[in-house]
Amino acid sequence: MLPGGGKSRSLTDTTPEFQGRSRQVWNLPRSAIALTLASLNIDLFQRILI
């Protein structure tokens, strides 16, 4: 029994409540990162065009 594998499995497959929380927690950073990347890309494109 590996400690890392056991921990990851227990964390991901413990309860549906934890899964729902983890999904919300993961969705928020993804959207934020996507927005920041989009804004950065727009700034870079504007600088290149201008």
PDB file of N, CA and C in Angstrom:
ATOM      1  N   MET A   1       0.850  -1.199   0.000  1.00  0.00           N
ATOM      2  CA  MET A   1       0.000   0.000   0.000  1.00  0.00           C
ATOM      3  C   MET A   1       0.883   1.246   0.000  1.00  0.00           C
ATOM      4  N   LEU A   2       0.819   2.013  -1.070  1.00  0.00           N
ATOM      5  CA  LEU A   2       1.621   3.233  -1.149  1.00  0.00           C
ATOM      6  C   LEU A   2       0.876   4.385  -0.477  1.00  0.00           C
ATOM      7  N   PRO A   3       1.574   5.210   0.303  1.00  0.00           N
ATOM      8  CA  PRO A   3       0.907   6.325   0.985  1.00  0.00           C
ATOM      9  C   PRO A   3       0.311   7.329   0.008  1.00  0.00           C
ATOM     10  N   GLY A   4       1.050   7.634  -1.080  1.00  0.00           N
ATOM     11  CA  GLY A   4       0.543   8.605  -2.052  1.00  0.00           C
ATOM     12  C   GLY A   4      -0.726   8.102  -2.716  1.00  0.00           C
ATOM     13  N   GLY A   5      -0.702   6.843  -3.215  1.00  0.00           N
ATOM     14  CA  GLY A   5      -1.875   6.299  -3.892  1.00  0.00           C
ATOM     15  C   GLY A   5      -3.062   6.239  -2.957  1.00  0.00           C
ATOM     16  N   GLY A   6      -2.834   5.758  -1.727  1.00  0.00           N
ATOM     17  CA  GLY A   6      -3.929   5.665  -0.768  1.00  0.00           C
ATOM     18  C   GLY A   6      -4.527   7.029  -0.485  1.00  0.00           C
ATOM     19  N   LYS A   7      -3.661   8.030  -0.302  1.00  0.00           N
ATOM     20  CA  LYS A   7      -4.166   9.372  -0.007  1.00  0.00           C
ATOM     21  C   LYS A   7      -4.987   9.892  -1.184  1.00  0.00           C
ATOM     22  N   SER A   8      -4.455   9.784  -2.399  1.00  0.00           N
ATOM     23  CA  SER A   8      -5.161  10.319  -3.561  1.00  0.00           C
ATOM     24  C   SER A   8      -6.507   9.616  -3.724  1.00  0.00           C
ATOM     25  N   ARG A   9      -6.522   8.300  -3.564  1.00  0.00           N
ATOM     26  CA  ARG A   9      -7.786   7.569  -3.727  1.00  0.00           C
ATOM     27  C   ARG A   9      -8.777   7.994  -2.662  1.00  0.00           C
ATOM     28  N   SER A  10      -8.318   8.048  -1.392  1.00  0.00           N
ATOM     29  CA  SER A  10      -9.232   8.403  -0.308  1.00  0.00           C
ATOM     30  C   SER A  10      -9.768   9.823  -0.501  1.00  0.00           C
ATOM     31  N   LEU A  11      -8.910  10.735  -0.974  1.00  0.00           N
ATOM     32  CA  LEU A  11      -9.347  12.121  -1.149  1.00  0.00           C
ATOM     33  C   LEU A  11     -10.361  12.240  -2.282  1.00  0.00           C
ATOM     34  N   THR A  12     -10.151  11.491  -3.365  1.00  0.00           N
ATOM     35  CA  THR A  12     -11.022  11.644  -4.530  1.00  0.00           C
ATOM     36  C   THR A  12     -12.298  10.817  -4.402  1.00  0.00           C
ATOM     37  N   ASP A  13     -12.217   9.660  -3.729  1.00  0.00           N
ATOM     38  CA  ASP A  13     -13.361   8.738  -3.715  1.00  0.00           C
ATOM     39  C   ASP A  13     -13.995   8.596  -2.341  1.00  0.00           C
ATOM     40  N   THR A  14     -13.814   9.574  -1.443  1.00  0.00           N
ATOM     41  CA  THR A  14     -14.359   9.425  -0.101  1.00  0.00           C
ATOM     42  C   THR A  14     -15.879   9.573  -0.121  1.00  0.00           C
ATOM     43  N   THR A  15     -16.381  10.772  -0.387  1.00  0.00           N
ATOM     44  CA  THR A  15     -17.818  11.013  -0.321  1.00  0.00           C
ATOM     45  C   THR A  15     -18.252  11.923  -1.461  1.00  0.00           C
ATOM     46  N   PRO A  16     -19.515  11.848  -1.864  1.00  0.00           N
ATOM     47  CA  PRO A  16     -20.018  12.720  -2.937  1.00  0.00           C
ATOM     48  C   PRO A  16     -19.923  14.190  -2.539  1.00  0.00           C
ATOM     49  N   GLU A  17     -20.064  14.481  -1.231  1.00  0.00           N
ATOM     50  CA  GLU A  17     -19.954  15.881  -0.790  1.00  0.00           C
ATOM     51  C   GLU A  17     -18.572  16.420  -1.121  1.00  0.00           C
ATOM     52  N   PHE A  18     -17.538  15.628  -0.805  1.00  0.00           N
ATOM     53  CA  PHE A  18     -16.170  16.083  -1.080  1.00  0.00           C
ATOM     54  C   PHE A  18     -15.966  16.224  -2.577  1.00  0.00           C
ATOM     55  N   GLN A  19     -16.531  15.305  -3.353  1.00  0.00           N
ATOM     56  CA  GLN A  19     -16.391  15.395  -4.814  1.00  0.00           C
ATOM     57  C   GLN A  19     -17.025  16.686  -5.314  1.00  0.00           C
ATOM     58  N   GLY A  20     -18.199  17.029  -4.818  1.00  0.00           N
ATOM     59  CA  GLY A  20     -18.858  18.266  -5.231  1.00  0.00           C
ATOM     60  C   GLY A  20     -18.015  19.475  -4.864  1.00  0.00           C
ATOM     61  N   ARG A  21     -17.469  19.465  -3.637  1.00  0.00           N
ATOM     62  CA  ARG A  21     -16.628  20.587  -3.214  1.00  0.00           C
ATOM     63  C   ARG A  21     -15.407  20.685  -4.106  1.00  0.00           C
ATOM     64  N   SER A  22     -14.759  19.548  -4.342  1.00  0.00           N
ATOM     65  CA  SER A  22     -13.541  19.568  -5.166  1.00  0.00           C
ATOM     66  C   SER A  22     -13.872  20.085  -6.564  1.00  0.00           C
ATOM     67  N   ARG A  23     -15.016  19.687  -7.107  1.00  0.00           N
ATOM     68  CA  ARG A  23     -15.395  20.169  -8.449  1.00  0.00           C
ATOM     69  C   ARG A  23     -15.542  21.685  -8.441  1.00  0.00           C
ATOM     70  N   GLN A  24     -16.254  22.218  -7.443  1.00  0.00           N
ATOM     71  CA  GLN A  24     -16.425  23.675  -7.365  1.00  0.00           C
ATOM     72  C   GLN A  24     -15.072  24.353  -7.219  1.00  0.00           C
ATOM     73  N   VAL A  25     -14.221  23.814  -6.348  1.00  0.00           N
ATOM     74  CA  VAL A  25     -12.905  24.424  -6.108  1.00  0.00           C
ATOM     75  C   VAL A  25     -12.068  24.398  -7.373  1.00  0.00           C
ATOM     76  N   TRP A  26     -12.177  23.302  -8.154  1.00  0.00           N
ATOM     77  CA  TRP A  26     -11.365  23.207  -9.380  1.00  0.00           C
ATOM     78  C   TRP A  26     -11.948  24.080 -10.487  1.00  0.00           C
ATOM     79  N   ASN A  27     -13.269  24.205 -10.541  1.00  0.00           N
ATOM     80  CA  ASN A  27     -13.889  24.996 -11.613  1.00  0.00           C
ATOM     81  C   ASN A  27     -13.564  26.480 -11.456  1.00  0.00           C
ATOM     82  N   LEU A  28     -13.550  26.980 -10.226  1.00  0.00           N
ATOM     83  CA  LEU A  28     -13.284  28.411 -10.023  1.00  0.00           C
ATOM     84  C   LEU A  28     -11.893  28.803 -10.511  1.00  0.00           C
ATOM     85  N   PRO A  29     -10.824  28.120 -10.079  1.00  0.00           N
ATOM     86  CA  PRO A  29      -9.488  28.492 -10.565  1.00  0.00           C
ATOM     87  C   PRO A  29      -9.362  28.363 -12.075  1.00  0.00           C
ATOM     88  N   ARG A  30      -9.979  27.341 -12.656  1.00  0.00           N
ATOM     89  CA  ARG A  30      -9.883  27.165 -14.113  1.00  0.00           C
ATOM     90  C   ARG A  30     -10.463  28.372 -14.832  1.00  0.00           C
ATOM     91  N   SER A  31     -11.650  28.805 -14.426  1.00  0.00           N
ATOM     92  CA  SER A  31     -12.274  29.960 -15.090  1.00  0.00           C
ATOM     93  C   SER A  31     -11.440  31.214 -14.866  1.00  0.00           C
ATOM     94  N   ALA A  32     -10.944  31.390 -13.638  1.00  0.00           N
ATOM     95  CA  ALA A  32     -10.128  32.577 -13.346  1.00  0.00           C
ATOM     96  C   ALA A  32      -8.868  32.569 -14.192  1.00  0.00           C
ATOM     97  N   ILE A  33      -8.210  31.416 -14.264  1.00  0.00           N
ATOM     98  CA  ILE A  33      -6.979  31.314 -15.063  1.00  0.00           C
ATOM     99  C   ILE A  33      -7.297  31.578 -16.530  1.00  0.00           C
ATOM    100  N   ALA A  34      -8.405  31.037 -17.013  1.00  0.00           N
ATOM    101  CA  ALA A  34      -8.772  31.240 -18.419  1.00  0.00           C
ATOM    102  C   ALA A  34      -8.996  32.731 -18.688  1.00  0.00           C
ATOM    103  N   LEU A  35      -9.697  33.407 -17.774  1.00  0.00           N
ATOM    104  CA  LEU A  35      -9.948  34.842 -17.961  1.00  0.00           C
ATOM    105  C   LEU A  35      -8.643  35.623 -17.955  1.00  0.00           C
ATOM    106  N   THR A  36      -7.756  35.308 -17.004  1.00  0.00           N
ATOM    107  CA  THR A  36      -6.481  36.035 -16.930  1.00  0.00           C
ATOM    108  C   THR A  36      -5.664  35.785 -18.184  1.00  0.00           C
ATOM    109  N   LEU A  37      -5.623  34.534 -18.647  1.00  0.00           N
ATOM    110  CA  LEU A  37      -4.862  34.222 -19.858  1.00  0.00           C
ATOM    111  C   LEU A  37      -5.451  34.964 -21.051  1.00  0.00           C
ATOM    112  N   ALA A  38      -6.774  35.006 -21.138  1.00  0.00           N
ATOM    113  CA  ALA A  38      -7.413  35.705 -22.256  1.00  0.00           C
ATOM    114  C   ALA A  38      -7.051  37.188 -22.226  1.00  0.00           C
ATOM    115  N   SER A  39      -7.128  37.798 -21.046  1.00  0.00           N
ATOM    116  CA  SER A  39      -6.795  39.227 -20.948  1.00  0.00           C
ATOM    117  C   SER A  39      -5.334  39.454 -21.308  1.00  0.00           C
ATOM    118  N   LEU A  40      -4.441  38.581 -20.835  1.00  0.00           N
ATOM    119  CA  LEU A  40      -3.014  38.726 -21.153  1.00  0.00           C
ATOM    120  C   LEU A  40      -2.801  38.590 -22.657  1.00  0.00           C
ATOM    121  N   ASN A  41      -3.471  37.605 -23.259  1.00  0.00           N
ATOM    122  CA  ASN A  41      -3.321  37.406 -24.704  1.00  0.00           C
ATOM    123  C   ASN A  41      -3.818  38.628 -25.468  1.00  0.00           C
ATOM    124  N   ILE A  42      -4.940  39.199 -25.042  1.00  0.00           N
ATOM    125  CA  ILE A  42      -5.475  40.392 -25.711  1.00  0.00           C
ATOM    126  C   ILE A  42      -4.461  41.531 -25.611  1.00  0.00           C
ATOM    127  N   ASP A  43      -3.880  41.712 -24.412  1.00  0.00           N
ATOM    128  CA  ASP A  43      -2.882  42.781 -24.241  1.00  0.00           C
ATOM    129  C   ASP A  43      -1.702  42.548 -25.170  1.00  0.00           C
ATOM    130  N   LEU A  44      -1.226  41.312 -25.248  1.00  0.00           N
ATOM    131  CA  LEU A  44      -0.069  41.010 -26.099  1.00  0.00           C
ATOM    132  C   LEU A  44      -0.407  41.289 -27.562  1.00  0.00           C
ATOM    133  N   PHE A  45      -1.593  40.852 -27.998  1.00  0.00           N
ATOM    134  CA  PHE A  45      -1.985  41.079 -29.400  1.00  0.00           C
ATOM    135  C   PHE A  45      -2.084  42.573 -29.694  1.00  0.00           C
ATOM    136  N   GLN A  46      -2.665  43.338 -28.770  1.00  0.00           N
ATOM    137  CA  GLN A  46      -2.770  44.782 -28.976  1.00  0.00           C
ATOM    138  C   GLN A  46      -1.379  45.396 -29.100  1.00  0.00           C
ATOM    139  N   ARG A  47      -0.452  44.968 -28.237  1.00  0.00           N
ATOM    140  CA  ARG A  47       0.906  45.521 -28.288  1.00  0.00           C
ATOM    141  C   ARG A  47       1.560  45.181 -29.620  1.00  0.00           C
ATOM    142  N   ILE A  48       1.360  43.944 -30.087  1.00  0.00           N
ATOM    143  CA  ILE A  48       1.977  43.535 -31.355  1.00  0.00           C
ATOM    144  C   ILE A  48       1.357  44.328 -32.511  1.00  0.00           C
ATOM    145  N   LEU A  49       0.026  44.470 -32.506  1.00  0.00           N
ATOM    146  CA  LEU A  49      -0.641  45.191 -33.591  1.00  0.00           C
ATOM    147  C   LEU A  49      -0.236  46.660 -33.575  1.00  0.00           C
ATOM    148  N   ILE A  50      -0.220  47.270 -32.399  1.00  0.00           N
ATOM    149  CA  ILE A  50       0.120  48.702 -32.299  1.00  0.00           C
ATOM    150  C   ILE A  50       1.641  48.836 -32.347  1.00  0.00           C
TER     151      ILE A  50
END
